[in-house]
Amino acid sequence: MKLFKFFFENYKILDNLYDAAIIVNKNGTIKYCNKKLYDIFGYSIDELKNNNISILIPDYYKTRHAHNVKNYNIKISSIMGKD
């Protein structure tokens, strides 16, 4: 949580990254994203903020992602997208 607060309070650092940055809560809700996400996905920051991260996931990965998130939240973590 401290790391989240640091980045949230210092969002200008994330806005100036070369790569996209996104912060989601434990439910997968987008709490912060930088402007680079617009370049990649075409959504504005306002369109993404407070939506579920699944909006960015291709349909054929959504079921697996939802399963991984559920397992992560019950402490059976693995790298997202890896079996």
Protein backbone atom coordinates (compact mmCIF):
# COMPACT_ATOMS: atom_id res chain seq x y z
CA MET A 1 0.00 0.00 0.00
CA LYS A 2 2.88 2.38 0.70
CA LEU A 3 4.16 1.95 -2.85
CA PHE A 4 0.72 2.71 -4.26
CA LYS A 5 0.48 5.88 -2.14
CA PHE A 6 3.96 6.96 -3.25
CA PHE A 7 3.15 6.56 -6.95
CA PHE A 8 -0.30 8.06 -6.59
CA GLU A 9 1.08 11.12 -4.82
CA ASN A 10 3.92 11.40 -7.35
CA TYR A 11 1.95 10.61 -10.49
CA LYS A 12 4.01 13.01 -12.57
CA ILE A 13 6.80 10.43 -12.44
CA LEU A 14 4.48 7.90 -14.05
CA ASP A 15 3.12 10.39 -16.57
CA ASN A 16 6.61 10.95 -17.92
CA LEU A 17 7.55 7.31 -18.38
CA TYR A 18 8.35 6.10 -21.88
CA ASP A 19 6.19 3.02 -21.28
CA ALA A 20 2.57 2.70 -20.22
CA ALA A 21 1.87 2.50 -16.49
CA ILE A 22 -1.31 1.38 -14.81
CA ILE A 23 -2.28 0.91 -11.16
CA VAL A 24 -5.23 -1.30 -10.27
CA ASN A 25 -6.72 -2.21 -6.92
CA LYS A 26 -7.25 -5.78 -5.70
CA ASN A 27 -10.57 -5.97 -7.58
CA GLY A 28 -8.95 -5.04 -10.88
CA THR A 29 -10.36 -1.51 -10.95
CA ILE A 30 -8.08 0.96 -12.70
CA LYS A 31 -7.11 3.66 -10.24
CA TYR A 32 -4.40 5.33 -12.27
CA CYS A 33 -2.99 5.17 -15.77
CA ASN A 34 -0.59 7.38 -17.63
CA LYS A 35 -1.02 9.07 -20.98
CA LYS A 36 1.01 6.42 -22.81
CA LEU A 37 -1.91 3.99 -22.42
CA TYR A 38 -3.88 6.22 -24.80
CA ASP A 39 -1.17 5.76 -27.44
CA ILE A 40 -1.34 1.99 -27.05
CA PHE A 41 -5.05 1.30 -26.56
CA GLY A 42 -6.79 4.47 -27.77
CA TYR A 43 -8.80 4.96 -24.58
CA SER A 44 -8.61 8.28 -22.79
CA ILE A 45 -7.58 8.32 -19.14
CA ASP A 46 -11.16 9.26 -18.19
CA GLU A 47 -12.52 6.27 -20.12
CA LEU A 48 -10.21 3.87 -18.28
CA LYS A 49 -10.22 5.26 -14.75
CA ASN A 50 -12.56 3.36 -12.39
CA ASN A 51 -13.23 0.66 -15.02
CA ASN A 52 -12.07 -2.91 -14.67
CA ILE A 53 -8.73 -3.74 -16.25
CA SER A 54 -10.48 -6.40 -18.31
CA ILE A 55 -11.47 -3.59 -20.69
CA LEU A 56 -7.87 -3.81 -21.98
CA ILE A 57 -7.70 -7.61 -22.19
CA PRO A 58 -8.55 -9.36 -25.47
CA ASP A 59 -11.69 -11.50 -25.26
CA TYR A 60 -9.81 -14.78 -25.62
CA TYR A 61 -7.80 -14.03 -22.42
CA LYS A 62 -10.59 -12.60 -20.24
CA THR A 63 -11.72 -15.89 -18.69
CA ARG A 64 -8.19 -16.92 -17.80
CA HIS A 65 -7.44 -13.46 -16.42
CA ALA A 66 -10.55 -13.49 -14.20
CA HIS A 67 -9.49 -16.90 -12.86
CA ASN A 68 -5.95 -15.66 -12.16
CA VAL A 69 -7.25 -12.57 -10.36
CA LYS A 70 -9.52 -14.72 -8.20
CA ASN A 71 -6.62 -17.01 -7.30
CA TYR A 72 -4.34 -14.07 -6.61
CA ASN A 73 -6.86 -12.58 -4.20
CA ILE A 74 -6.95 -15.85 -2.25
CA LYS A 75 -3.14 -15.96 -2.17
CA ILE A 76 -2.55 -18.57 -4.88
CA SER A 77 -0.51 -16.16 -6.89
CA SER A 78 1.21 -16.79 -10.16
CA ILE A 79 2.46 -14.59 -12.94
CA MET A 80 -0.55 -13.40 -14.91
CA GLY A 81 -0.71 -15.20 -18.25
CA LYS A 82 1.61 -18.02 -17.17
CA ASP A 83 0.40 -21.50 -16.28
